[in-house]
Amino acid sequence: MNHAARAFWLDSPGRGEIREVDLPEPGPDEVVVRALYSGVSRGTETLVFRGGVPESQHTAMRAPFQEGDFPGPVKYGYLSVGVVEEGPESLTGRTVFCLYPHQTRYVVPAAAVTPVPESVPAGRAVLAGTVETAVNALWDAAPLVGDRIAVVGGGMVGCSVAALLARFPGVRVQLVDADPARAKTAEALGVGFALPADADGDCDLVVHASATEQGLARALELLRPEGTVVELSWYGDRKVGVPLGEAFHSRRLTLRGSQVGTVSPARAHRTYGDRLALALDLLADPALDALVTGESPFEELPAVMPRLASGDIPALCHRVRYDGPGAGTHA
């Protein structure tokens, strides 16, 4: 086994670096994974990169294989796809998804990896963690046939939700975002698009994922009486005003939080593994390629992350490719 690996670390807020890593010998129930791709979850990871995780959420925000602590130094990330080089015969040579940070090779328990279906390209499989969030949100939201639905916020999570809603029969789905360029993404996903001021109202359900005060206010405005907003935004350490005056009570509106850290109570009999396997199956749809809006080599990640955090690189999911020295090649 090659014991050498390289990992991306957030050295301090706003500054990342690549560090050499020595891998342990794998145990009998562990696998060695060589990374092919990883994904940068732009909302959460750039918030971490800026040092915006509030102290009260340091424990809740830990990634499964995180090393170090917020605000840094910390090794953080959770969208990795690779090939099993060593491990049980049933997994060796398989392409797998793992909730692991950006690293060229790693050793994890065999139970921590999920095989990627043959119908899903490795490069698209980096979206599994975000599609899993969308699955959980829709378990919480429980949309019905024929519903009128808006998704406010056309980022990675919002677009994933919209993509899944596009498969529901008879629904009216509209992606709402302040960026007119998101219209092309909406078209690729098979849903409608509107700027916030032009969005269709009288919605049975609104999924909010813009992480802005204005977006949340508009989401509530778009509801019919007794409609529901499912809140997916993560605001980090920012204070957010919620418009609970005016017609909020008289219209009997509902504002409900949803978070992927726990399986939706509506599907409490399902496991985390069930949910992730479902997300990977759903990624057989090539329309979801529209969510990958950029790619760069692993070696460039220290320079790319500040540009993603500042918005200089506009991105939904930015994909990291592992084809440099010691990183292996594509599957």
C-alpha atoms as a PDB file:
ATOM      1  CA  MET A   1       0.000   0.000   0.000  1.00  0.00           C
ATOM      2  CA  ASN A   2       1.070   3.560  -0.761  1.00  0.00           C
ATOM      3  CA  HIS A   3       1.057   5.275   2.646  1.00  0.00           C
ATOM      4  CA  ALA A   4       1.452   8.800   1.214  1.00  0.00           C
ATOM      5  CA  ALA A   5      -1.516  11.107   0.796  1.00  0.00           C
ATOM      6  CA  ARG A   6      -2.229  14.823   0.592  1.00  0.00           C
ATOM      7  CA  ALA A   7      -5.085  16.701   2.212  1.00  0.00           C
ATOM      8  CA  PHE A   8      -6.570  20.194   2.035  1.00  0.00           C
ATOM      9  CA  TRP A   9      -6.647  21.976   5.408  1.00  0.00           C
ATOM     10  CA  LEU A  10      -8.138  25.299   6.414  1.00  0.00           C
ATOM     11  CA  ASP A  11      -5.110  26.668   8.269  1.00  0.00           C
ATOM     12  CA  SER A  12      -6.981  29.742   9.520  1.00  0.00           C
ATOM     13  CA  PRO A  13     -10.110  31.580   8.314  1.00  0.00           C
ATOM     14  CA  GLY A  14      -9.525  32.605   4.711  1.00  0.00           C
ATOM     15  CA  ARG A  15      -6.327  30.615   4.234  1.00  0.00           C
ATOM     16  CA  GLY A  16      -6.024  27.004   3.074  1.00  0.00           C
ATOM     17  CA  GLU A  17      -3.059  24.756   2.395  1.00  0.00           C
ATOM     18  CA  ILE A  18      -2.270  21.240   1.194  1.00  0.00           C
ATOM     19  CA  ARG A  19      -0.556  19.040   3.762  1.00  0.00           C
ATOM     20  CA  GLU A  20       1.211  15.702   3.490  1.00  0.00           C
ATOM     21  CA  VAL A  21      -0.560  12.899   5.352  1.00  0.00           C
ATOM     22  CA  ASP A  22       0.615   9.453   6.486  1.00  0.00           C
ATOM     23  CA  LEU A  23      -2.120   6.855   6.160  1.00  0.00           C
ATOM     24  CA  PRO A  24      -2.560   4.130   8.771  1.00  0.00           C
ATOM     25  CA  GLU A  25      -2.538   0.467   7.843  1.00  0.00           C
ATOM     26  CA  PRO A  26      -6.128  -0.562   7.096  1.00  0.00           C
ATOM     27  CA  GLY A  27      -7.802  -2.947   9.521  1.00  0.00           C
ATOM     28  CA  PRO A  28      -9.828  -6.000   8.490  1.00  0.00           C
ATOM     29  CA  ASP A  29     -13.076  -3.993   8.273  1.00  0.00           C
ATOM     30  CA  GLU A  30     -11.579  -0.922   6.589  1.00  0.00           C
ATOM     31  CA  VAL A  31     -11.007   0.218   3.013  1.00  0.00           C
ATOM     32  CA  VAL A  32      -8.367   2.307   1.282  1.00  0.00           C
ATOM     33  CA  VAL A  33      -9.959   4.770  -1.122  1.00  0.00           C
ATOM     34  CA  ARG A  34      -8.121   6.624  -3.893  1.00  0.00           C
ATOM     35  CA  ALA A  35      -9.988   9.845  -4.625  1.00  0.00           C
ATOM     36  CA  LEU A  36     -11.214  10.583  -8.126  1.00  0.00           C
ATOM     37  CA  TYR A  37     -13.310  13.683  -7.401  1.00  0.00           C
ATOM     38  CA  SER A  38     -14.608  15.713  -4.498  1.00  0.00           C
ATOM     39  CA  GLY A  39     -17.150  18.476  -4.428  1.00  0.00           C
ATOM     40  CA  VAL A  40     -17.087  21.840  -2.677  1.00  0.00           C
ATOM     41  CA  SER A  41     -20.473  22.462  -1.097  1.00  0.00           C
ATOM     42  CA  ARG A  42     -20.314  26.187  -1.743  1.00  0.00           C
ATOM     43  CA  GLY A  43     -22.712  27.400   0.934  1.00  0.00           C
ATOM     44  CA  THR A  44     -21.487  25.404   3.933  1.00  0.00           C
ATOM     45  CA  GLU A  45     -17.837  25.033   3.009  1.00  0.00           C
ATOM     46  CA  THR A  46     -17.273  28.667   2.127  1.00  0.00           C
ATOM     47  CA  LEU A  47     -18.946  29.625   5.416  1.00  0.00           C
ATOM     48  CA  VAL A  48     -16.463  27.331   7.188  1.00  0.00           C
ATOM     49  CA  PHE A  49     -13.644  28.808   5.105  1.00  0.00           C
ATOM     50  CA  ARG A  50     -14.568  32.326   6.230  1.00  0.00           C
ATOM     51  CA  GLY A  51     -14.675  31.232   9.877  1.00  0.00           C
ATOM     52  CA  GLY A  52     -18.432  31.813  10.131  1.00  0.00           C
ATOM     53  CA  VAL A  53     -19.466  28.753  12.168  1.00  0.00           C
ATOM     54  CA  PRO A  54     -20.886  30.051  15.478  1.00  0.00           C
ATOM     55  CA  GLU A  55     -19.309  28.559  18.595  1.00  0.00           C
ATOM     56  CA  SER A  56     -22.664  27.138  19.675  1.00  0.00           C
ATOM     57  CA  GLN A  57     -22.725  25.032  16.493  1.00  0.00           C
ATOM     58  CA  HIS A  58     -19.148  23.716  16.519  1.00  0.00           C
ATOM     59  CA  THR A  59     -20.271  20.243  17.565  1.00  0.00           C
ATOM     60  CA  ALA A  60     -23.365  20.086  15.341  1.00  0.00           C
ATOM     61  CA  MET A  61     -21.381  21.219  12.292  1.00  0.00           C
ATOM     62  CA  ARG A  62     -18.636  18.607  12.554  1.00  0.00           C
ATOM     63  CA  ALA A  63     -18.245  16.538   9.401  1.00  0.00           C
ATOM     64  CA  PRO A  64     -18.018  12.739   9.830  1.00  0.00           C
ATOM     65  CA  PHE A  65     -14.231  12.547   9.215  1.00  0.00           C
ATOM     66  CA  GLN A  66     -13.287  16.081  10.174  1.00  0.00           C
ATOM     67  CA  GLU A  67      -9.912  16.648  11.824  1.00  0.00           C
ATOM     68  CA  GLY A  68      -9.136  19.725  13.874  1.00  0.00           C
ATOM     69  CA  ASP A  69     -11.659  22.220  15.209  1.00  0.00           C
ATOM     70  CA  PHE A  70     -13.438  25.365  14.070  1.00  0.00           C
ATOM     71  CA  PRO A  71     -12.439  27.990  13.204  1.00  0.00           C
ATOM     72  CA  GLY A  72      -9.126  26.255  12.322  1.00  0.00           C
ATOM     73  CA  PRO A  73      -6.870  24.552  11.634  1.00  0.00           C
ATOM     74  CA  VAL A  74      -9.492  22.116  10.375  1.00  0.00           C
ATOM     75  CA  LYS A  75      -9.811  19.508   7.613  1.00  0.00           C
ATOM     76  CA  TYR A  76     -13.395  19.792   6.430  1.00  0.00           C
ATOM     77  CA  GLY A  77     -15.519  18.434   3.587  1.00  0.00           C
ATOM     78  CA  TYR A  78     -17.979  15.649   2.865  1.00  0.00           C
ATOM     79  CA  LEU A  79     -18.390  15.036  -0.869  1.00  0.00           C
ATOM     80  CA  SER A  80     -15.745  12.522  -1.966  1.00  0.00           C
ATOM     81  CA  VAL A  81     -15.865   9.921  -4.728  1.00  0.00           C
ATOM     82  CA  GLY A  82     -13.103   7.407  -5.251  1.00  0.00           C
ATOM     83  CA  VAL A  83     -12.086   3.850  -6.019  1.00  0.00           C
ATOM     84  CA  VAL A  84     -11.514   1.221  -3.319  1.00  0.00           C
ATOM     85  CA  GLU A  85      -7.907   0.052  -3.669  1.00  0.00           C
ATOM     86  CA  GLU A  86      -7.880  -2.298  -0.685  1.00  0.00           C
ATOM     87  CA  GLY A  87     -10.645  -3.822   1.403  1.00  0.00           C
ATOM     88  CA  PRO A  88     -13.292  -6.529   1.325  1.00  0.00           C
ATOM     89  CA  GLU A  89     -13.561  -8.366  -1.996  1.00  0.00           C
ATOM     90  CA  SER A  90     -17.103  -7.057  -2.501  1.00  0.00           C
ATOM     91  CA  LEU A  91     -15.807  -3.466  -2.535  1.00  0.00           C
ATOM     92  CA  THR A  92     -12.320  -3.689  -4.053  1.00  0.00           C
ATOM     93  CA  GLY A  93     -12.256  -1.931  -7.402  1.00  0.00           C
ATOM     94  CA  ARG A  94     -15.695  -0.351  -6.873  1.00  0.00           C
ATOM     95  CA  THR A  95     -16.377   3.358  -7.246  1.00  0.00           C
ATOM     96  CA  VAL A  96     -17.763   4.637  -3.941  1.00  0.00           C
ATOM     97  CA  PHE A  97     -19.068   7.797  -2.309  1.00  0.00           C
ATOM     98  CA  CYS A  98     -17.844   8.817   1.148  1.00  0.00           C
ATOM     99  CA  LEU A  99     -18.508  11.773   3.459  1.00  0.00           C
ATOM    100  CA  TYR A 100     -14.783  12.579   3.554  1.00  0.00           C
ATOM    101  CA  PRO A 101     -12.817  15.848   3.228  1.00  0.00           C
ATOM    102  CA  HIS A 102     -10.655  16.758   0.234  1.00  0.00           C
ATOM    103  CA  GLN A 103      -7.816  14.220   0.312  1.00  0.00           C
ATOM    104  CA  THR A 104      -6.027  12.135  -2.326  1.00  0.00           C
ATOM    105  CA  ARG A 105      -6.276   8.811  -0.449  1.00  0.00           C
ATOM    106  CA  TYR A 106      -7.858   7.809   2.858  1.00  0.00           C
ATOM    107  CA  VAL A 107      -8.648   4.872   5.121  1.00  0.00           C
ATOM    108  CA  VAL A 108     -12.187   4.540   6.507  1.00  0.00           C
ATOM    109  CA  PRO A 109     -14.463   1.779   7.826  1.00  0.00           C
ATOM    110  CA  ALA A 110     -15.997  -0.231   4.979  1.00  0.00           C
ATOM    111  CA  ALA A 111     -19.426   0.744   6.319  1.00  0.00           C
ATOM    112  CA  ALA A 112     -18.613   4.426   5.657  1.00  0.00           C
ATOM    113  CA  VAL A 113     -18.555   4.046   1.864  1.00  0.00           C
ATOM    114  CA  THR A 114     -21.557   3.603  -0.428  1.00  0.00           C
ATOM    115  CA  PRO A 115     -21.112   1.985  -3.861  1.00  0.00           C
ATOM    116  CA  VAL A 116     -21.972   4.277  -6.759  1.00  0.00           C
ATOM    117  CA  PRO A 117     -24.440   2.652  -9.187  1.00  0.00           C
ATOM    118  CA  GLU A 118     -23.013   1.824 -12.607  1.00  0.00           C
ATOM    119  CA  SER A 119     -25.588   4.182 -14.125  1.00  0.00           C
ATOM    120  CA  VAL A 120     -24.009   7.177 -12.319  1.00  0.00           C
ATOM    121  CA  PRO A 121     -20.695   8.653 -13.569  1.00  0.00           C
ATOM    122  CA  ALA A 122     -18.098   9.216 -10.852  1.00  0.00           C
ATOM    123  CA  GLY A 123     -17.962  12.934 -11.617  1.00  0.00           C
ATOM    124  CA  ARG A 124     -21.705  13.339 -11.031  1.00  0.00           C
ATOM    125  CA  ALA A 125     -21.658  11.264  -7.845  1.00  0.00           C
ATOM    126  CA  VAL A 126     -20.061  14.166  -5.910  1.00  0.00           C
ATOM    127  CA  LEU A 127     -23.590  15.596  -5.801  1.00  0.00           C
ATOM    128  CA  ALA A 128     -24.820  12.712  -3.626  1.00  0.00           C
ATOM    129  CA  GLY A 129     -24.542  14.591  -0.341  1.00  0.00           C
ATOM    130  CA  THR A 130     -26.548  17.532  -1.642  1.00  0.00           C
ATOM    131  CA  VAL A 131     -29.190  15.378  -3.312  1.00  0.00           C
ATOM    132  CA  GLU A 132     -29.445  13.524   0.014  1.00  0.00           C
ATOM    133  CA  THR A 133     -30.242  16.885   1.659  1.00  0.00           C
ATOM    134  CA  ALA A 134     -32.941  17.423  -0.964  1.00  0.00           C
ATOM    135  CA  VAL A 135     -34.396  13.952  -0.336  1.00  0.00           C
ATOM    136  CA  ASN A 136     -34.613  14.669   3.394  1.00  0.00           C
ATOM    137  CA  ALA A 137     -36.191  18.087   2.738  1.00  0.00           C
ATOM    138  CA  LEU A 138     -38.894  16.542   0.580  1.00  0.00           C
ATOM    139  CA  TRP A 139     -39.553  13.872   3.193  1.00  0.00           C
ATOM    140  CA  ASP A 140     -40.132  16.794   5.590  1.00  0.00           C
ATOM    141  CA  ALA A 141     -42.152  18.835   3.092  1.00  0.00           C
ATOM    142  CA  ALA A 142     -44.322  15.938   1.824  1.00  0.00           C
ATOM    143  CA  PRO A 143     -45.409  17.573  -1.464  1.00  0.00           C
ATOM    144  CA  LEU A 144     -48.594  16.257  -3.062  1.00  0.00           C
ATOM    145  CA  VAL A 145     -49.586  15.587  -6.657  1.00  0.00           C
ATOM    146  CA  GLY A 146     -50.666  18.848  -8.281  1.00  0.00           C
ATOM    147  CA  ASP A 147     -49.068  21.164  -5.717  1.00  0.00           C
ATOM    148  CA  ARG A 148     -47.952  24.674  -6.622  1.00  0.00           C
ATOM    149  CA  ILE A 149     -44.386  24.944  -5.373  1.00  0.00           C
ATOM    150  CA  ALA A 150     -41.641  27.572  -5.382  1.00  0.00           C
ATOM    151  CA  VAL A 151     -38.003  26.966  -4.534  1.00  0.00           C
ATOM    152  CA  VAL A 152     -36.494  30.278  -3.430  1.00  0.00           C
ATOM    153  CA  GLY A 153     -32.720  30.258  -3.812  1.00  0.00           C
ATOM    154  CA  GLY A 154     -31.048  28.678  -6.827  1.00  0.00           C
ATOM    155  CA  GLY A 155     -27.904  27.446  -5.136  1.00  0.00           C
ATOM    156  CA  MET A 156     -26.727  23.860  -4.955  1.00  0.00           C
ATOM    157  CA  VAL A 157     -29.351  22.735  -2.440  1.00  0.00           C
ATOM    158  CA  GLY A 158     -32.228  24.690  -3.970  1.00  0.00           C
ATOM    159  CA  CYS A 159     -31.481  23.390  -7.455  1.00  0.00           C
ATOM    160  CA  SER A 160     -31.258  19.815  -6.139  1.00  0.00           C
ATOM    161  CA  VAL A 161     -34.698  20.194  -4.544  1.00  0.00           C
ATOM    162  CA  ALA A 162     -36.100  21.665  -7.753  1.00  0.00           C
ATOM    163  CA  ALA A 163     -34.633  18.805  -9.797  1.00  0.00           C
ATOM    164  CA  LEU A 164     -36.367  16.206  -7.635  1.00  0.00           C
ATOM    165  CA  LEU A 165     -39.649  18.133  -7.586  1.00  0.00           C
ATOM    166  CA  ALA A 166     -39.598  18.188 -11.402  1.00  0.00           C
ATOM    167  CA  ARG A 167     -40.357  14.443 -11.272  1.00  0.00           C
ATOM    168  CA  PHE A 168     -43.570  14.856  -9.270  1.00  0.00           C
ATOM    169  CA  PRO A 169     -46.675  14.484 -11.442  1.00  0.00           C
ATOM    170  CA  GLY A 170     -48.843  17.532 -12.022  1.00  0.00           C
ATOM    171  CA  VAL A 171     -46.840  19.972  -9.893  1.00  0.00           C
ATOM    172  CA  ARG A 172     -46.044  23.545 -10.827  1.00  0.00           C
ATOM    173  CA  VAL A 173     -42.402  24.094  -9.837  1.00  0.00           C
ATOM    174  CA  GLN A 174     -40.714  27.466 -10.123  1.00  0.00           C
ATOM    175  CA  LEU A 175     -37.098  28.185  -9.190  1.00  0.00           C
ATOM    176  CA  VAL A 176     -36.841  31.745  -7.823  1.00  0.00           C
ATOM    177  CA  ASP A 177     -33.483  33.512  -7.734  1.00  0.00           C
ATOM    178  CA  ALA A 178     -32.131  37.056  -8.033  1.00  0.00           C
ATOM    179  CA  ASP A 179     -29.544  35.911 -10.603  1.00  0.00           C
ATOM    180  CA  PRO A 180     -31.064  35.793 -14.124  1.00  0.00           C
ATOM    181  CA  ALA A 181     -28.331  33.304 -15.131  1.00  0.00           C
ATOM    182  CA  ARG A 182     -30.111  30.664 -13.023  1.00  0.00           C
ATOM    183  CA  ALA A 183     -32.817  30.559 -15.719  1.00  0.00           C
ATOM    184  CA  LYS A 184     -30.569  28.303 -17.819  1.00  0.00           C
ATOM    185  CA  THR A 185     -30.075  25.958 -14.875  1.00  0.00           C
ATOM    186  CA  ALA A 186     -33.814  25.822 -14.271  1.00  0.00           C
ATOM    187  CA  GLU A 187     -34.404  25.005 -17.935  1.00  0.00           C
ATOM    188  CA  ALA A 188     -31.851  22.175 -17.788  1.00  0.00           C
ATOM    189  CA  LEU A 189     -33.605  20.776 -14.717  1.00  0.00           C
ATOM    190  CA  GLY A 190     -37.025  20.975 -16.335  1.00  0.00           C
ATOM    191  CA  VAL A 191     -38.595  23.581 -14.034  1.00  0.00           C
ATOM    192  CA  GLY A 192     -39.799  27.158 -14.428  1.00  0.00           C
ATOM    193  CA  PHE A 193     -37.806  30.235 -13.395  1.00  0.00           C
ATOM    194  CA  ALA A 194     -38.620  33.698 -12.073  1.00  0.00           C
ATOM    195  CA  LEU A 195     -36.873  36.648 -10.511  1.00  0.00           C
ATOM    196  CA  PRO A 196     -38.186  37.285  -6.960  1.00  0.00           C
ATOM    197  CA  ALA A 197     -40.489  40.143  -7.978  1.00  0.00           C
ATOM    198  CA  ASP A 198     -42.030  38.072 -10.766  1.00  0.00           C
ATOM    199  CA  ALA A 199     -42.553  34.779  -8.914  1.00  0.00           C
ATOM    200  CA  ASP A 200     -45.932  33.063  -8.989  1.00  0.00           C
ATOM    201  CA  GLY A 201     -47.806  33.210  -5.688  1.00  0.00           C
ATOM    202  CA  ASP A 202     -50.590  31.149  -4.147  1.00  0.00           C
ATOM    203  CA  CYS A 203     -48.100  28.356  -3.417  1.00  0.00           C
ATOM    204  CA  ASP A 204     -49.023  25.325  -1.361  1.00  0.00           C
ATOM    205  CA  LEU A 205     -45.350  24.880  -0.476  1.00  0.00           C
ATOM    206  CA  VAL A 206     -42.225  27.018  -0.676  1.00  0.00           C
ATOM    207  CA  VAL A 207     -38.760  25.603  -0.069  1.00  0.00           C
ATOM    208  CA  HIS A 208     -36.381  28.363   1.008  1.00  0.00           C
ATOM    209  CA  ALA A 209     -32.650  27.933   0.372  1.00  0.00           C
ATOM    210  CA  SER A 210     -31.289  31.406  -0.415  1.00  0.00           C
ATOM    211  CA  ALA A 211     -29.776  32.014   3.043  1.00  0.00           C
ATOM    212  CA  THR A 212     -30.947  35.635   2.880  1.00  0.00           C
ATOM    213  CA  GLU A 213     -33.460  37.624   4.907  1.00  0.00           C
ATOM    214  CA  GLN A 214     -35.030  38.936   1.723  1.00  0.00           C
ATOM    215  CA  GLY A 215     -35.441  35.433   0.335  1.00  0.00           C
ATOM    216  CA  LEU A 216     -37.175  34.208   3.488  1.00  0.00           C
ATOM    217  CA  ALA A 217     -39.550  37.176   3.475  1.00  0.00           C
ATOM    218  CA  ARG A 218     -40.399  36.566  -0.190  1.00  0.00           C
ATOM    219  CA  ALA A 219     -40.906  32.845   0.484  1.00  0.00           C
ATOM    220  CA  LEU A 220     -43.582  33.667   3.079  1.00  0.00           C
ATOM    221  CA  GLU A 221     -45.234  36.145   0.697  1.00  0.00           C
ATOM    222  CA  LEU A 222     -45.584  33.482  -1.993  1.00  0.00           C
ATOM    223  CA  LEU A 223     -47.685  31.148   0.169  1.00  0.00           C
ATOM    224  CA  ARG A 224     -51.414  30.633  -0.042  1.00  0.00           C
ATOM    225  CA  PRO A 225     -53.282  30.810   3.288  1.00  0.00           C
ATOM    226  CA  GLU A 226     -52.215  27.894   5.537  1.00  0.00           C
ATOM    227  CA  GLY A 227     -49.249  27.153   3.253  1.00  0.00           C
ATOM    228  CA  THR A 228     -45.819  26.020   4.459  1.00  0.00           C
ATOM    229  CA  VAL A 229     -42.255  27.268   4.037  1.00  0.00           C
ATOM    230  CA  VAL A 230     -39.606  24.601   4.586  1.00  0.00           C
ATOM    231  CA  GLU A 231     -36.400  26.394   5.607  1.00  0.00           C
ATOM    232  CA  LEU A 232     -33.169  24.782   4.350  1.00  0.00           C
ATOM    233  CA  SER A 233     -30.869  27.803   4.640  1.00  0.00           C
ATOM    234  CA  TRP A 234     -27.874  27.719   6.954  1.00  0.00           C
ATOM    235  CA  TYR A 235     -27.110  31.230   8.206  1.00  0.00           C
ATOM    236  CA  GLY A 236     -24.067  30.449  10.320  1.00  0.00           C
ATOM    237  CA  ASP A 237     -23.402  33.236  12.815  1.00  0.00           C
ATOM    238  CA  ARG A 238     -25.647  35.820  11.099  1.00  0.00           C
ATOM    239  CA  LYS A 239     -28.760  37.199  12.802  1.00  0.00           C
ATOM    240  CA  VAL A 240     -31.835  36.939  10.602  1.00  0.00           C
ATOM    241  CA  GLY A 241     -35.071  38.880  10.842  1.00  0.00           C
ATOM    242  CA  VAL A 242     -38.236  36.844  10.182  1.00  0.00           C
ATOM    243  CA  PRO A 243     -41.403  38.779   9.165  1.00  0.00           C
ATOM    244  CA  LEU A 244     -43.864  37.230  11.603  1.00  0.00           C
ATOM    245  CA  GLY A 245     -46.045  40.345  11.765  1.00  0.00           C
ATOM    246  CA  GLU A 246     -48.459  41.579   9.104  1.00  0.00           C
ATOM    247  CA  ALA A 247     -50.485  38.613   7.765  1.00  0.00           C
ATOM    248  CA  PHE A 248     -48.370  35.747   9.119  1.00  0.00           C
ATOM    249  CA  HIS A 249     -50.875  34.806  11.826  1.00  0.00           C
ATOM    250  CA  SER A 250     -54.101  35.724  10.058  1.00  0.00           C
ATOM    251  CA  ARG A 251     -53.077  33.588   7.070  1.00  0.00           C
ATOM    252  CA  ARG A 252     -52.038  30.753   9.441  1.00  0.00           C
ATOM    253  CA  LEU A 253     -48.692  30.204   7.724  1.00  0.00           C
ATOM    254  CA  THR A 254     -46.174  27.539   8.775  1.00  0.00           C
ATOM    255  CA  LEU A 255     -42.389  27.975   8.847  1.00  0.00           C
ATOM    256  CA  ARG A 256     -40.598  24.666   9.328  1.00  0.00           C
ATOM    257  CA  GLY A 257     -36.896  23.899   9.652  1.00  0.00           C
ATOM    258  CA  SER A 258     -35.273  20.962   7.873  1.00  0.00           C
ATOM    259  CA  GLN A 259     -31.740  19.697   8.385  1.00  0.00           C
ATOM    260  CA  VAL A 260     -29.959  16.694   6.899  1.00  0.00           C
ATOM    261  CA  GLY A 261     -28.176  15.888  10.182  1.00  0.00           C
ATOM    262  CA  THR A 262     -31.152  13.747  11.213  1.00  0.00           C
ATOM    263  CA  VAL A 263     -33.423  11.565   9.103  1.00  0.00           C
ATOM    264  CA  SER A 264     -36.830  13.202   8.666  1.00  0.00           C
ATOM    265  CA  PRO A 265     -39.317  12.064  11.350  1.00  0.00           C
ATOM    266  CA  ALA A 266     -41.683  11.302   8.464  1.00  0.00           C
ATOM    267  CA  ARG A 267     -39.284   8.507   7.460  1.00  0.00           C
ATOM    268  CA  ALA A 268     -37.904   7.583  10.858  1.00  0.00           C
ATOM    269  CA  HIS A 269     -37.810   3.898   9.865  1.00  0.00           C
ATOM    270  CA  ARG A 270     -35.179   4.691   7.194  1.00  0.00           C
ATOM    271  CA  THR A 271     -31.456   4.788   7.951  1.00  0.00           C
ATOM    272  CA  TYR A 272     -28.829   7.293   6.858  1.00  0.00           C
ATOM    273  CA  GLY A 273     -27.526   4.572   4.528  1.00  0.00           C
ATOM    274  CA  ASP A 274     -30.965   4.121   2.958  1.00  0.00           C
ATOM    275  CA  ARG A 275     -31.224   7.841   2.330  1.00  0.00           C
ATOM    276  CA  LEU A 276     -27.767   8.127   0.744  1.00  0.00           C
ATOM    277  CA  ALA A 277     -28.312   5.054  -1.445  1.00  0.00           C
ATOM    278  CA  LEU A 278     -31.567   6.615  -2.695  1.00  0.00           C
ATOM    279  CA  ALA A 279     -29.758   9.874  -3.490  1.00  0.00           C
ATOM    280  CA  LEU A 280     -27.151   7.993  -5.523  1.00  0.00           C
ATOM    281  CA  ASP A 281     -29.863   6.144  -7.447  1.00  0.00           C
ATOM    282  CA  LEU A 282     -31.541   9.467  -8.283  1.00  0.00           C
ATOM    283  CA  LEU A 283     -28.247  10.740  -9.728  1.00  0.00           C
ATOM    284  CA  ALA A 284     -28.717   8.500 -12.762  1.00  0.00           C
ATOM    285  CA  ASP A 285     -30.553  11.502 -14.261  1.00  0.00           C
ATOM    286  CA  PRO A 286     -28.074  13.375 -16.540  1.00  0.00           C
ATOM    287  CA  ALA A 287     -30.039  16.608 -16.017  1.00  0.00           C
ATOM    288  CA  LEU A 288     -28.264  16.904 -12.669  1.00  0.00           C
ATOM    289  CA  ASP A 289     -24.977  17.577 -14.479  1.00  0.00           C
ATOM    290  CA  ALA A 290     -26.230  21.172 -14.630  1.00  0.00           C
ATOM    291  CA  LEU A 291     -25.389  21.496 -10.935  1.00  0.00           C
ATOM    292  CA  VAL A 292     -21.650  21.026 -11.547  1.00  0.00           C
ATOM    293  CA  THR A 293     -20.590  24.469 -12.710  1.00  0.00           C
ATOM    294  CA  GLY A 294     -16.808  24.358 -12.420  1.00  0.00           C
ATOM    295  CA  GLU A 295     -13.831  22.077 -11.988  1.00  0.00           C
ATOM    296  CA  SER A 296     -10.208  22.449 -10.989  1.00  0.00           C
ATOM    297  CA  PRO A 297      -7.295  20.207  -9.977  1.00  0.00           C
ATOM    298  CA  PHE A 298      -6.816  19.358  -6.307  1.00  0.00           C
ATOM    299  CA  GLU A 299      -3.464  21.177  -6.259  1.00  0.00           C
ATOM    300  CA  GLU A 300      -5.230  24.485  -6.991  1.00  0.00           C
ATOM    301  CA  LEU A 301      -7.708  24.236  -4.107  1.00  0.00           C
ATOM    302  CA  PRO A 302      -5.819  26.674  -1.793  1.00  0.00           C
ATOM    303  CA  ALA A 303      -6.149  29.341  -4.506  1.00  0.00           C
ATOM    304  CA  VAL A 304      -9.672  28.363  -5.590  1.00  0.00           C
ATOM    305  CA  MET A 305     -11.379  28.338  -2.171  1.00  0.00           C
ATOM    306  CA  PRO A 306     -10.923  32.083  -1.478  1.00  0.00           C
ATOM    307  CA  ARG A 307     -12.402  32.838  -4.917  1.00  0.00           C
ATOM    308  CA  LEU A 308     -15.384  30.564  -4.234  1.00  0.00           C
ATOM    309  CA  ALA A 309     -15.891  32.184  -0.821  1.00  0.00           C
ATOM    310  CA  SER A 310     -15.792  35.713  -2.279  1.00  0.00           C
ATOM    311  CA  GLY A 311     -18.082  34.854  -5.191  1.00  0.00           C
ATOM    312  CA  ASP A 312     -15.339  35.603  -7.709  1.00  0.00           C
ATOM    313  CA  ILE A 313     -16.020  32.099  -9.046  1.00  0.00           C
ATOM    314  CA  PRO A 314     -19.823  31.828  -9.356  1.00  0.00           C
ATOM    315  CA  ALA A 315     -20.630  28.200  -8.616  1.00  0.00           C
ATOM    316  CA  LEU A 316     -23.247  25.709  -7.596  1.00  0.00           C
ATOM    317  CA  CYS A 317     -21.078  22.649  -7.031  1.00  0.00           C
ATOM    318  CA  HIS A 318     -17.395  23.152  -7.790  1.00  0.00           C
ATOM    319  CA  ARG A 319     -15.760  19.824  -8.552  1.00  0.00           C
ATOM    320  CA  VAL A 320     -12.204  18.993  -7.548  1.00  0.00           C
ATOM    321  CA  ARG A 321     -10.310  16.600  -9.805  1.00  0.00           C
ATOM    322  CA  TYR A 322      -7.583  14.295  -8.460  1.00  0.00           C
ATOM    323  CA  ASP A 323      -5.106  13.665 -11.248  1.00  0.00           C
ATOM    324  CA  GLY A 324      -1.926  15.284  -9.978  1.00  0.00           C
ATOM    325  CA  PRO A 325       1.192  13.698  -8.460  1.00  0.00           C
ATOM    326  CA  GLY A 326       0.266  10.943  -6.040  1.00  0.00           C
ATOM    327  CA  ALA A 327      -3.424  11.431  -6.652  1.00  0.00           C
ATOM    328  CA  GLY A 328      -4.101   8.694  -9.146  1.00  0.00           C
ATOM    329  CA  THR A 329      -6.072   8.921 -12.366  1.00  0.00           C
ATOM    330  CA  HIS A 330      -9.697   9.015 -13.436  1.00  0.00           C
ATOM    331  CA  ALA A 331     -11.892   5.966 -13.411  1.00  0.00           C
END
